[in-house]
Amino acid sequence: MEGLLNSILNFFRAIWDAFKAIFDWLNAALDAFVDFLMNLPAWAFSKITEGIVSFFNAIPVPDFFASAASAFGSVPSEVVFFAEAFQIGPGVAMVLGAYLLRFILRRIPFIG
């Protein structure tokens, strides 16, 4: 009688272990799916930005840029001194950046 009881208990333990293995596998699959969903936006953003960068790298540089470098060489040293003293370069960069930010923010419907 005791051997029969042990065989029944072993049978139910085997079934319990099988269900436990199935639920462990389902838990691991759910964790993998959640990780996939959590990493999907970062992956998509990186692919989109890589595509944009490769698009802009494919655009050739205009010919007048080479002549613009020689045009800045003819600026007198006095003008360069005062432009550096008054930080004209960073000031122009800040103003253009502010205009660009304003342009971008105006395109967002619920902000602009």
PDB file of N, CA and C in Angstrom:
ATOM      1  N   MET A   1       0.818  -1.190   0.000  1.00  0.00           N
ATOM      2  CA  MET A   1       0.000   0.000   0.000  1.00  0.00           C
ATOM      3  C   MET A   1       0.866   1.261   0.000  1.00  0.00           C
ATOM      4  N   GLU A   2       1.936   1.182   0.784  1.00  0.00           N
ATOM      5  CA  GLU A   2       2.815   2.352   0.872  1.00  0.00           C
ATOM      6  C   GLU A   2       3.545   2.596  -0.456  1.00  0.00           C
ATOM      7  N   GLY A   3       3.893   1.530  -1.172  1.00  0.00           N
ATOM      8  CA  GLY A   3       4.539   1.672  -2.481  1.00  0.00           C
ATOM      9  C   GLY A   3       3.605   2.308  -3.492  1.00  0.00           C
ATOM     10  N   LEU A   4       2.326   1.941  -3.409  1.00  0.00           N
ATOM     11  CA  LEU A   4       1.338   2.538  -4.307  1.00  0.00           C
ATOM     12  C   LEU A   4       1.178   4.026  -4.010  1.00  0.00           C
ATOM     13  N   LEU A   5       1.163   4.375  -2.733  1.00  0.00           N
ATOM     14  CA  LEU A   5       1.048   5.783  -2.334  1.00  0.00           C
ATOM     15  C   LEU A   5       2.266   6.577  -2.809  1.00  0.00           C
ATOM     16  N   ASN A   6       3.459   6.002  -2.686  1.00  0.00           N
ATOM     17  CA  ASN A   6       4.677   6.687  -3.175  1.00  0.00           C
ATOM     18  C   ASN A   6       4.649   6.845  -4.691  1.00  0.00           C
ATOM     19  N   SER A   7       4.159   5.835  -5.432  1.00  0.00           N
ATOM     20  CA  SER A   7       4.083   5.978  -6.887  1.00  0.00           C
ATOM     21  C   SER A   7       3.090   7.063  -7.284  1.00  0.00           C
ATOM     22  N   ILE A   8       1.968   7.161  -6.576  1.00  0.00           N
ATOM     23  CA  ILE A   8       1.001   8.234  -6.876  1.00  0.00           C
ATOM     24  C   ILE A   8       1.615   9.589  -6.555  1.00  0.00           C
ATOM     25  N   LEU A   9       2.299   9.705  -5.426  1.00  0.00           N
ATOM     26  CA  LEU A   9       2.953  10.978  -5.079  1.00  0.00           C
ATOM     27  C   LEU A   9       4.029  11.338  -6.097  1.00  0.00           C
ATOM     28  N   ASN A  10       4.814  10.362  -6.530  1.00  0.00           N
ATOM     29  CA  ASN A  10       5.831  10.628  -7.549  1.00  0.00           C
ATOM     30  C   ASN A  10       5.209  11.068  -8.870  1.00  0.00           C
ATOM     31  N   PHE A  11       4.073  10.455  -9.208  1.00  0.00           N
ATOM     32  CA  PHE A  11       3.368  10.840 -10.435  1.00  0.00           C
ATOM     33  C   PHE A  11       2.912  12.301 -10.361  1.00  0.00           C
ATOM     34  N   PHE A  12       2.312  12.677  -9.241  1.00  0.00           N
ATOM     35  CA  PHE A  12       1.845  14.052  -9.097  1.00  0.00           C
ATOM     36  C   PHE A  12       3.013  15.033  -8.983  1.00  0.00           C
ATOM     37  N   ARG A  13       4.123  14.623  -8.398  1.00  0.00           N
ATOM     38  CA  ARG A  13       5.319  15.487  -8.361  1.00  0.00           C
ATOM     39  C   ARG A  13       5.854  15.710  -9.770  1.00  0.00           C
ATOM     40  N   ALA A  14       5.839  14.653 -10.586  1.00  0.00           N
ATOM     41  CA  ALA A  14       6.302  14.788 -11.973  1.00  0.00           C
ATOM     42  C   ALA A  14       5.399  15.747 -12.747  1.00  0.00           C
ATOM     43  N   ILE A  15       4.082  15.610 -12.529  1.00  0.00           N
ATOM     44  CA  ILE A  15       3.150  16.536 -13.190  1.00  0.00           C
ATOM     45  C   ILE A  15       3.377  17.959 -12.686  1.00  0.00           C
ATOM     46  N   TRP A  16       3.553  18.108 -11.373  1.00  0.00           N
ATOM     47  CA  TRP A  16       3.813  19.429 -10.798  1.00  0.00           C
ATOM     48  C   TRP A  16       5.105  20.031 -11.362  1.00  0.00           C
ATOM     49  N   ASP A  17       6.153  19.229 -11.466  1.00  0.00           N
ATOM     50  CA  ASP A  17       7.418  19.705 -12.024  1.00  0.00           C
ATOM     51  C   ASP A  17       7.272  20.087 -13.496  1.00  0.00           C
ATOM     52  N   ALA A  18       6.448  19.343 -14.242  1.00  0.00           N
ATOM     53  CA  ALA A  18       6.212  19.676 -15.651  1.00  0.00           C
ATOM     54  C   ALA A  18       5.493  21.021 -15.766  1.00  0.00           C
ATOM     55  N   PHE A  19       4.456  21.216 -14.945  1.00  0.00           N
ATOM     56  CA  PHE A  19       3.760  22.508 -14.959  1.00  0.00           C
ATOM     57  C   PHE A  19       4.687  23.643 -14.521  1.00  0.00           C
ATOM     58  N   LYS A  20       5.518  23.367 -13.536  1.00  0.00           N
ATOM     59  CA  LYS A  20       6.464  24.390 -13.079  1.00  0.00           C
ATOM     60  C   LYS A  20       7.442  24.750 -14.189  1.00  0.00           C
ATOM     61  N   ALA A  21       7.931  23.754 -14.925  1.00  0.00           N
ATOM     62  CA  ALA A  21       8.847  24.022 -16.034  1.00  0.00           C
ATOM     63  C   ALA A  21       8.155  24.836 -17.121  1.00  0.00           C
ATOM     64  N   ILE A  22       6.891  24.521 -17.398  1.00  0.00           N
ATOM     65  CA  ILE A  22       6.143  25.283 -18.417  1.00  0.00           C
ATOM     66  C   ILE A  22       5.970  26.729 -17.970  1.00  0.00           C
ATOM     67  N   PHE A  23       5.605  26.947 -16.704  1.00  0.00           N
ATOM     68  CA  PHE A  23       5.411  28.310 -16.220  1.00  0.00           C
ATOM     69  C   PHE A  23       6.734  29.075 -16.118  1.00  0.00           C
ATOM     70  N   ASP A  24       7.810  28.384 -15.795  1.00  0.00           N
ATOM     71  CA  ASP A  24       9.124  29.039 -15.809  1.00  0.00           C
ATOM     72  C   ASP A  24       9.487  29.483 -17.222  1.00  0.00           C
ATOM     73  N   TRP A  25       9.197  28.606 -18.201  1.00  0.00           N
ATOM     74  CA  TRP A  25       9.476  28.969 -19.596  1.00  0.00           C
ATOM     75  C   TRP A  25       8.608  30.154 -20.027  1.00  0.00           C
ATOM     76  N   LEU A  26       7.331  30.134 -19.657  1.00  0.00           N
ATOM     77  CA  LEU A  26       6.445  31.256 -20.001  1.00  0.00           C
ATOM     78  C   LEU A  26       6.900  32.551 -19.330  1.00  0.00           C
ATOM     79  N   ASN A  27       7.379  32.461 -18.106  1.00  0.00           N
ATOM     80  CA  ASN A  27       7.888  33.642 -17.403  1.00  0.00           C
ATOM     81  C   ASN A  27       9.121  34.194 -18.109  1.00  0.00           C
ATOM     82  N   ALA A  28      10.024  33.302 -18.532  1.00  0.00           N
ATOM     83  CA  ALA A  28      11.219  33.742 -19.254  1.00  0.00           C
ATOM     84  C   ALA A  28      10.840  34.356 -20.600  1.00  0.00           C
ATOM     85  N   ALA A  29       9.844  33.761 -21.282  1.00  0.00           N
ATOM     86  CA  ALA A  29       9.393  34.311 -22.565  1.00  0.00           C
ATOM     87  C   ALA A  29       8.769  35.686 -22.370  1.00  0.00           C
ATOM     88  N   LEU A  30       7.989  35.852 -21.320  1.00  0.00           N
ATOM     89  CA  LEU A  30       7.382  37.150 -21.028  1.00  0.00           C
ATOM     90  C   LEU A  30       8.456  38.189 -20.701  1.00  0.00           C
ATOM     91  N   ASP A  31       9.462  37.795 -19.935  1.00  0.00           N
ATOM     92  CA  ASP A  31      10.557  38.713 -19.626  1.00  0.00           C
ATOM     93  C   ASP A  31      11.297  39.128 -20.892  1.00  0.00           C
ATOM     94  N   ALA A  32      11.537  38.177 -21.791  1.00  0.00           N
ATOM     95  CA  ALA A  32      12.217  38.497 -23.051  1.00  0.00           C
ATOM     96  C   ALA A  32      11.368  39.436 -23.897  1.00  0.00           C
ATOM     97  N   PHE A  33      10.055  39.218 -23.908  1.00  0.00           N
ATOM     98  CA  PHE A  33       9.165  40.088 -24.680  1.00  0.00           C
ATOM     99  C   PHE A  33       9.126  41.492 -24.099  1.00  0.00           C
ATOM    100  N   VAL A  34       9.090  41.605 -22.789  1.00  0.00           N
ATOM    101  CA  VAL A  34       9.099  42.921 -22.140  1.00  0.00           C
ATOM    102  C   VAL A  34      10.428  43.642 -22.413  1.00  0.00           C
ATOM    103  N   ASP A  35      11.534  42.916 -22.349  1.00  0.00           N
ATOM    104  CA  ASP A  35      12.828  43.521 -22.685  1.00  0.00           C
ATOM    105  C   ASP A  35      12.839  44.010 -24.128  1.00  0.00           C
ATOM    106  N   PHE A  36      12.261  43.213 -25.033  1.00  0.00           N
ATOM    107  CA  PHE A  36      12.173  43.630 -26.427  1.00  0.00           C
ATOM    108  C   PHE A  36      11.376  44.918 -26.565  1.00  0.00           C
ATOM    109  N   LEU A  37      10.228  44.985 -25.889  1.00  0.00           N
ATOM    110  CA  LEU A  37       9.401  46.189 -25.975  1.00  0.00           C
ATOM    111  C   LEU A  37      10.089  47.395 -25.336  1.00  0.00           C
ATOM    112  N   MET A  38      10.865  47.168 -24.282  1.00  0.00           N
ATOM    113  CA  MET A  38      11.562  48.280 -23.632  1.00  0.00           C
ATOM    114  C   MET A  38      12.707  48.802 -24.505  1.00  0.00           C
ATOM    115  N   ASN A  39      13.354  47.927 -25.260  1.00  0.00           N
ATOM    116  CA  ASN A  39      14.491  48.332 -26.090  1.00  0.00           C
ATOM    117  C   ASN A  39      14.084  48.754 -27.490  1.00  0.00           C
ATOM    118  N   LEU A  40      12.852  48.505 -27.890  1.00  0.00           N
ATOM    119  CA  LEU A  40      12.404  48.840 -29.233  1.00  0.00           C
ATOM    120  C   LEU A  40      12.478  50.339 -29.543  1.00  0.00           C
ATOM    121  N   PRO A  41      12.010  51.239 -28.672  1.00  0.00           N
ATOM    122  CA  PRO A  41      12.117  52.668 -29.010  1.00  0.00           C
ATOM    123  C   PRO A  41      13.565  53.143 -29.170  1.00  0.00           C
ATOM    124  N   ALA A  42      14.463  52.688 -28.309  1.00  0.00           N
ATOM    125  CA  ALA A  42      15.865  53.101 -28.430  1.00  0.00           C
ATOM    126  C   ALA A  42      16.470  52.558 -29.711  1.00  0.00           C
ATOM    127  N   TRP A  43      16.141  51.327 -30.073  1.00  0.00           N
ATOM    128  CA  TRP A  43      16.660  50.742 -31.297  1.00  0.00           C
ATOM    129  C   TRP A  43      16.128  51.492 -32.516  1.00  0.00           C
ATOM    130  N   ALA A  44      14.820  51.791 -32.526  1.00  0.00           N
ATOM    131  CA  ALA A  44      14.223  52.510 -33.647  1.00  0.00           C
ATOM    132  C   ALA A  44      14.810  53.916 -33.755  1.00  0.00           C
ATOM    133  N   PHE A  45      14.993  54.588 -32.619  1.00  0.00           N
ATOM    134  CA  PHE A  45      15.575  55.931 -32.645  1.00  0.00           C
ATOM    135  C   PHE A  45      16.994  55.902 -33.191  1.00  0.00           C
ATOM    136  N   SER A  46      17.782  54.912 -32.790  1.00  0.00           N
ATOM    137  CA  SER A  46      19.161  54.836 -33.285  1.00  0.00           C
ATOM    138  C   SER A  46      19.182  54.565 -34.783  1.00  0.00           C
ATOM    139  N   LYS A  47      18.289  53.708 -35.273  1.00  0.00           N
ATOM    140  CA  LYS A  47      18.252  53.423 -36.714  1.00  0.00           C
ATOM    141  C   LYS A  47      17.803  54.658 -37.501  1.00  0.00           C
ATOM    142  N   ILE A  48      16.831  55.389 -36.977  1.00  0.00           N
ATOM    143  CA  ILE A  48      16.365  56.596 -37.667  1.00  0.00           C
ATOM    144  C   ILE A  48      17.465  57.645 -37.705  1.00  0.00           C
ATOM    145  N   THR A  49      18.144  57.859 -36.575  1.00  0.00           N
ATOM    146  CA  THR A  49      19.214  58.862 -36.569  1.00  0.00           C
ATOM    147  C   THR A  49      20.385  58.438 -37.452  1.00  0.00           C
ATOM    148  N   GLU A  50      20.716  57.140 -37.481  1.00  0.00           N
ATOM    149  CA  GLU A  50      21.772  56.685 -38.380  1.00  0.00           C
ATOM    150  C   GLU A  50      21.382  56.916 -39.834  1.00  0.00           C
ATOM    151  N   GLY A  51      20.106  56.721 -40.150  1.00  0.00           N
ATOM    152  CA  GLY A  51      19.636  56.980 -41.510  1.00  0.00           C
ATOM    153  C   GLY A  51      19.713  58.450 -41.872  1.00  0.00           C
ATOM    154  N   ILE A  52      19.353  59.314 -40.944  1.00  0.00           N
ATOM    155  CA  ILE A  52      19.428  60.755 -41.207  1.00  0.00           C
ATOM    156  C   ILE A  52      20.874  61.187 -41.394  1.00  0.00           C
ATOM    157  N   VAL A  53      21.761  60.676 -40.544  1.00  0.00           N
ATOM    158  CA  VAL A  53      23.179  61.039 -40.660  1.00  0.00           C
ATOM    159  C   VAL A  53      23.752  60.543 -41.981  1.00  0.00           C
ATOM    160  N   SER A  54      23.418  59.327 -42.378  1.00  0.00           N
ATOM    161  CA  SER A  54      23.940  58.822 -43.652  1.00  0.00           C
ATOM    162  C   SER A  54      23.364  59.600 -44.830  1.00  0.00           C
ATOM    163  N   PHE A  55      22.108  60.073 -44.701  1.00  0.00           N
ATOM    164  CA  PHE A  55      21.529  60.904 -45.762  1.00  0.00           C
ATOM    165  C   PHE A  55      22.297  62.207 -45.904  1.00  0.00           C
ATOM    166  N   PHE A  56      22.585  62.867 -44.781  1.00  0.00           N
ATOM    167  CA  PHE A  56      23.305  64.135 -44.869  1.00  0.00           C
ATOM    168  C   PHE A  56      24.767  63.933 -45.275  1.00  0.00           C
ATOM    169  N   ASN A  57      25.348  62.793 -44.957  1.00  0.00           N
ATOM    170  CA  ASN A  57      26.705  62.513 -45.411  1.00  0.00           C
ATOM    171  C   ASN A  57      26.758  62.261 -46.905  1.00  0.00           C
ATOM    172  N   ALA A  58      25.643  61.820 -47.487  1.00  0.00           N
ATOM    173  CA  ALA A  58      25.608  61.552 -48.929  1.00  0.00           C
ATOM    174  C   ALA A  58      25.467  62.826 -49.752  1.00  0.00           C
ATOM    175  N   ILE A  59      25.030  63.920 -49.126  1.00  0.00           N
ATOM    176  CA  ILE A  59      24.871  65.183 -49.858  1.00  0.00           C
ATOM    177  C   ILE A  59      26.251  65.787 -50.104  1.00  0.00           C
ATOM    178  N   PRO A  60      26.561  66.121 -51.359  1.00  0.00           N
ATOM    179  CA  PRO A  60      27.889  66.694 -51.629  1.00  0.00           C
ATOM    180  C   PRO A  60      28.012  68.123 -51.096  1.00  0.00           C
ATOM    181  N   VAL A  61      29.239  68.518 -50.778  1.00  0.00           N
ATOM    182  CA  VAL A  61      29.522  69.861 -50.276  1.00  0.00           C
ATOM    183  C   VAL A  61      29.516  70.826 -51.464  1.00  0.00           C
ATOM    184  N   PRO A  62      28.805  71.969 -51.345  1.00  0.00           N
ATOM    185  CA  PRO A  62      28.767  72.928 -52.457  1.00  0.00           C
ATOM    186  C   PRO A  62      30.154  73.518 -52.739  1.00  0.00           C
ATOM    187  N   ASP A  63      30.356  73.948 -53.982  1.00  0.00           N
ATOM    188  CA  ASP A  63      31.654  74.475 -54.403  1.00  0.00           C
ATOM    189  C   ASP A  63      31.968  75.826 -53.771  1.00  0.00           C
ATOM    190  N   PHE A  64      30.953  76.621 -53.429  1.00  0.00           N
ATOM    191  CA  PHE A  64      31.234  77.956 -52.907  1.00  0.00           C
ATOM    192  C   PHE A  64      31.781  77.924 -51.486  1.00  0.00           C
ATOM    193  N   PHE A  65      31.756  76.769 -50.812  1.00  0.00           N
ATOM    194  CA  PHE A  65      32.349  76.696 -49.484  1.00  0.00           C
ATOM    195  C   PHE A  65      33.855  76.874 -49.536  1.00  0.00           C
ATOM    196  N   ALA A  66      34.493  76.410 -50.591  1.00  0.00           N
ATOM    197  CA  ALA A  66      35.942  76.571 -50.730  1.00  0.00           C
ATOM    198  C   ALA A  66      36.287  78.048 -50.917  1.00  0.00           C
ATOM    199  N   SER A  67      35.470  78.778 -51.640  1.00  0.00           N
ATOM    200  CA  SER A  67      35.735  80.208 -51.833  1.00  0.00           C
ATOM    201  C   SER A  67      35.397  81.006 -50.574  1.00  0.00           C
ATOM    202  N   ALA A  68      34.515  80.506 -49.730  1.00  0.00           N
ATOM    203  CA  ALA A  68      34.163  81.215 -48.492  1.00  0.00           C
ATOM    204  C   ALA A  68      35.339  81.199 -47.526  1.00  0.00           C
ATOM    205  N   ALA A  69      36.116  80.140 -47.512  1.00  0.00           N
ATOM    206  CA  ALA A  69      37.279  80.080 -46.622  1.00  0.00           C
ATOM    207  C   ALA A  69      38.306  81.126 -47.013  1.00  0.00           C
ATOM    208  N   SER A  70      38.497  81.345 -48.298  1.00  0.00           N
ATOM    209  CA  SER A  70      39.454  82.372 -48.727  1.00  0.00           C
ATOM    210  C   SER A  70      38.902  83.773 -48.470  1.00  0.00           C
ATOM    211  N   ALA A  71      37.585  83.950 -48.456  1.00  0.00           N
ATOM    212  CA  ALA A  71      36.989  85.260 -48.190  1.00  0.00           C
ATOM    213  C   ALA A  71      37.240  85.677 -46.748  1.00  0.00           C
ATOM    214  N   PHE A  72      37.221  84.716 -45.808  1.00  0.00           N
ATOM    215  CA  PHE A  72      37.482  85.062 -44.415  1.00  0.00           C
ATOM    216  C   PHE A  72      38.954  85.379 -44.187  1.00  0.00           C
ATOM    217  N   GLY A  73      39.812  84.962 -45.059  1.00  0.00           N
ATOM    218  CA  GLY A  73      41.233  85.271 -44.934  1.00  0.00           C
ATOM    219  C   GLY A  73      41.546  86.733 -45.217  1.00  0.00           C
ATOM    220  N   SER A  74      40.657  87.429 -45.915  1.00  0.00           N
ATOM    221  CA  SER A  74      40.898  88.824 -46.246  1.00  0.00           C
ATOM    222  C   SER A  74      40.354  89.796 -45.196  1.00  0.00           C
ATOM    223  N   VAL A  75      39.804  89.306 -44.111  1.00  0.00           N
ATOM    224  CA  VAL A  75      39.297  90.162 -43.038  1.00  0.00           C
ATOM    225  C   VAL A  75      40.495  90.741 -42.277  1.00  0.00           C
ATOM    226  N   PRO A  76      40.513  92.062 -42.049  1.00  0.00           N
ATOM    227  CA  PRO A  76      41.649  92.667 -41.343  1.00  0.00           C
ATOM    228  C   PRO A  76      41.775  92.141 -39.902  1.00  0.00           C
ATOM    229  N   SER A  77      42.980  92.185 -39.379  1.00  0.00           N
ATOM    230  CA  SER A  77      43.241  91.653 -38.041  1.00  0.00           C
ATOM    231  C   SER A  77      42.540  92.474 -36.960  1.00  0.00           C
ATOM    232  N   GLU A  78      42.301  93.775 -37.185  1.00  0.00           N
ATOM    233  CA  GLU A  78      41.599  94.596 -36.203  1.00  0.00           C
ATOM    234  C   GLU A  78      40.148  94.114 -36.031  1.00  0.00           C
ATOM    235  N   VAL A  79      39.526  93.762 -37.135  1.00  0.00           N
ATOM    236  CA  VAL A  79      38.148  93.274 -37.077  1.00  0.00           C
ATOM    237  C   VAL A  79      38.109  91.928 -36.347  1.00  0.00           C
ATOM    238  N   VAL A  80      39.071  91.086 -36.619  1.00  0.00           N
ATOM    239  CA  VAL A  80      39.139  89.783 -35.960  1.00  0.00           C
ATOM    240  C   VAL A  80      39.360  89.972 -34.457  1.00  0.00           C
ATOM    241  N   PHE A  81      40.210  90.925 -34.064  1.00  0.00           N
ATOM    242  CA  PHE A  81      40.468  91.171 -32.648  1.00  0.00           C
ATOM    243  C   PHE A  81      39.191  91.555 -31.916  1.00  0.00           C
ATOM    244  N   PHE A  82      38.434  92.521 -32.469  1.00  0.00           N
ATOM    245  CA  PHE A  82      37.219  92.961 -31.802  1.00  0.00           C
ATOM    246  C   PHE A  82      36.106  91.914 -31.882  1.00  0.00           C
ATOM    247  N   ALA A  83      36.075  91.133 -32.942  1.00  0.00           N
ATOM    248  CA  ALA A  83      35.075  90.059 -33.040  1.00  0.00           C
ATOM    249  C   ALA A  83      35.325  89.010 -31.966  1.00  0.00           C
ATOM    250  N   GLU A  84      36.585  88.716 -31.693  1.00  0.00           N
ATOM    251  CA  GLU A  84      36.902  87.763 -30.630  1.00  0.00           C
ATOM    252  C   GLU A  84      36.660  88.376 -29.249  1.00  0.00           C
ATOM    253  N   ALA A  85      36.958  89.658 -29.094  1.00  0.00           N
ATOM    254  CA  ALA A  85      36.770  90.301 -27.793  1.00  0.00           C
ATOM    255  C   ALA A  85      35.285  90.381 -27.425  1.00  0.00           C
ATOM    256  N   PHE A  86      34.445  90.660 -28.399  1.00  0.00           N
ATOM    257  CA  PHE A  86      33.011  90.768 -28.141  1.00  0.00           C
ATOM    258  C   PHE A  86      32.284  89.434 -28.319  1.00  0.00           C
ATOM    259  N   GLN A  87      33.011  88.347 -28.564  1.00  0.00           N
ATOM    260  CA  GLN A  87      32.443  87.007 -28.716  1.00  0.00           C
ATOM    261  C   GLN A  87      31.319  86.979 -29.760  1.00  0.00           C
ATOM    262  N   ILE A  88      31.622  87.515 -30.923  1.00  0.00           N
ATOM    263  CA  ILE A  88      30.635  87.581 -32.005  1.00  0.00           C
ATOM    264  C   ILE A  88      30.257  86.167 -32.476  1.00  0.00           C
ATOM    265  N   GLY A  89      31.247  85.288 -32.612  1.00  0.00           N
ATOM    266  CA  GLY A  89      30.972  83.929 -33.097  1.00  0.00           C
ATOM    267  C   GLY A  89      30.010  83.156 -32.215  1.00  0.00           C
ATOM    268  N   PRO A  90      30.288  83.037 -30.898  1.00  0.00           N
ATOM    269  CA  PRO A  90      29.322  82.339 -30.037  1.00  0.00           C
ATOM    270  C   PRO A  90      27.969  83.043 -29.956  1.00  0.00           C
ATOM    271  N   GLY A  91      27.968  84.377 -30.024  1.00  0.00           N
ATOM    272  CA  GLY A  91      26.701  85.110 -29.993  1.00  0.00           C
ATOM    273  C   GLY A  91      25.837  84.800 -31.204  1.00  0.00           C
ATOM    274  N   VAL A  92      26.440  84.776 -32.374  1.00  0.00           N
ATOM    275  CA  VAL A  92      25.692  84.448 -33.586  1.00  0.00           C
ATOM    276  C   VAL A  92      25.198  83.005 -33.519  1.00  0.00           C
ATOM    277  N   ALA A  93      26.033  82.112 -33.003  1.00  0.00           N
ATOM    278  CA  ALA A  93      25.620  80.711 -32.873  1.00  0.00           C
ATOM    279  C   ALA A  93      24.430  80.584 -31.917  1.00  0.00           C
ATOM    280  N   MET A  94      24.445  81.342 -30.807  1.00  0.00           N
ATOM    281  CA  MET A  94      23.322  81.284 -29.865  1.00  0.00           C
ATOM    282  C   MET A  94      22.042  81.833 -30.479  1.00  0.00           C
ATOM    283  N   VAL A  95      22.145  82.930 -31.201  1.00  0.00           N
ATOM    284  CA  VAL A  95      20.953  83.519 -31.817  1.00  0.00           C
ATOM    285  C   VAL A  95      20.378  82.582 -32.869  1.00  0.00           C
ATOM    286  N   LEU A  96      21.234  82.007 -33.712  1.00  0.00           N
ATOM    287  CA  LEU A  96      20.747  81.074 -34.728  1.00  0.00           C
ATOM    288  C   LEU A  96      20.170  79.810 -34.088  1.00  0.00           C
ATOM    289  N   GLY A  97      20.775  79.351 -33.005  1.00  0.00           N
ATOM    290  CA  GLY A  97      20.233  78.193 -32.290  1.00  0.00           C
ATOM    291  C   GLY A  97      18.874  78.491 -31.686  1.00  0.00           C
ATOM    292  N   ALA A  98      18.710  79.711 -31.165  1.00  0.00           N
ATOM    293  CA  ALA A  98      17.419  80.094 -30.592  1.00  0.00           C
ATOM    294  C   ALA A  98      16.345  80.161 -31.676  1.00  0.00           C
ATOM    295  N   TYR A  99      16.697  80.707 -32.838  1.00  0.00           N
ATOM    296  CA  TYR A  99      15.732  80.743 -33.941  1.00  0.00           C
ATOM    297  C   TYR A  99      15.375  79.336 -34.407  1.00  0.00           C
ATOM    298  N   LEU A 100      16.351  78.450 -34.461  1.00  0.00           N
ATOM    299  CA  LEU A 100      16.079  77.071 -34.855  1.00  0.00           C
ATOM    300  C   LEU A 100      15.184  76.379 -33.832  1.00  0.00           C
ATOM    301  N   LEU A 101      15.451  76.580 -32.548  1.00  0.00           N
ATOM    302  CA  LEU A 101      14.621  75.985 -31.499  1.00  0.00           C
ATOM    303  C   LEU A 101      13.190  76.537 -31.567  1.00  0.00           C
ATOM    304  N   ARG A 102      13.060  77.822 -31.805  1.00  0.00           N
ATOM    305  CA  ARG A 102      11.732  78.430 -31.935  1.00  0.00           C
ATOM    306  C   ARG A 102      10.992  77.831 -33.126  1.00  0.00           C
ATOM    307  N   PHE A 103      11.706  77.654 -34.237  1.00  0.00           N
ATOM    308  CA  PHE A 103      11.095  77.059 -35.426  1.00  0.00           C
ATOM    309  C   PHE A 103      10.600  75.645 -35.134  1.00  0.00           C
ATOM    310  N   ILE A 104      11.433  74.848 -34.444  1.00  0.00           N
ATOM    311  CA  ILE A 104      11.067  73.466 -34.144  1.00  0.00           C
ATOM    312  C   ILE A 104       9.898  73.419 -33.168  1.00  0.00           C
ATOM    313  N   LEU A 105       9.924  74.262 -32.133  1.00  0.00           N
ATOM    314  CA  LEU A 105       8.847  74.256 -31.143  1.00  0.00           C
ATOM    315  C   LEU A 105       7.519  74.718 -31.734  1.00  0.00           C
ATOM    316  N   ARG A 106       7.576  75.577 -32.721  1.00  0.00           N
ATOM    317  CA  ARG A 106       6.338  76.040 -33.340  1.00  0.00           C
ATOM    318  C   ARG A 106       5.677  74.940 -34.162  1.00  0.00           C
ATOM    319  N   ARG A 107       6.425  73.917 -34.527  1.00  0.00           N
ATOM    320  CA  ARG A 107       5.878  72.819 -35.323  1.00  0.00           C
ATOM    321  C   ARG A 107       5.182  71.761 -34.459  1.00  0.00           C
ATOM    322  N   ILE A 108       5.411  71.789 -33.132  1.00  0.00           N
ATOM    323  CA  ILE A 108       4.757  70.834 -32.250  1.00  0.00           C
ATOM    324  C   ILE A 108       3.353  71.361 -31.936  1.00  0.00           C
ATOM    325  N   PRO A 109       2.320  70.589 -32.251  1.00  0.00           N
ATOM    326  CA  PRO A 109       0.949  71.123 -32.152  1.00  0.00           C
ATOM    327  C   PRO A 109       0.521  71.590 -30.780  1.00  0.00           C
ATOM    328  N   PHE A 110       0.813  70.861 -29.739  1.00  0.00           N
ATOM    329  CA  PHE A 110       0.291  71.231 -28.419  1.00  0.00           C
ATOM    330  C   PHE A 110       1.191  72.210 -27.678  1.00  0.00           C
ATOM    331  N   ILE A 111       2.358  72.575 -28.248  1.00  0.00           N
ATOM    332  CA  ILE A 111       3.236  73.564 -27.627  1.00  0.00           C
ATOM    333  C   ILE A 111       3.173  74.887 -28.399  1.00  0.00           C
ATOM    334  N   GLY A 112       3.355  74.843 -29.714  1.00  0.00           N
ATOM    335  CA  GLY A 112       3.457  76.049 -30.527  1.00  0.00           C
ATOM    336  C   GLY A 112       2.138  76.613 -30.872  1.00  0.00           C
TER     337      GLY A 112
END
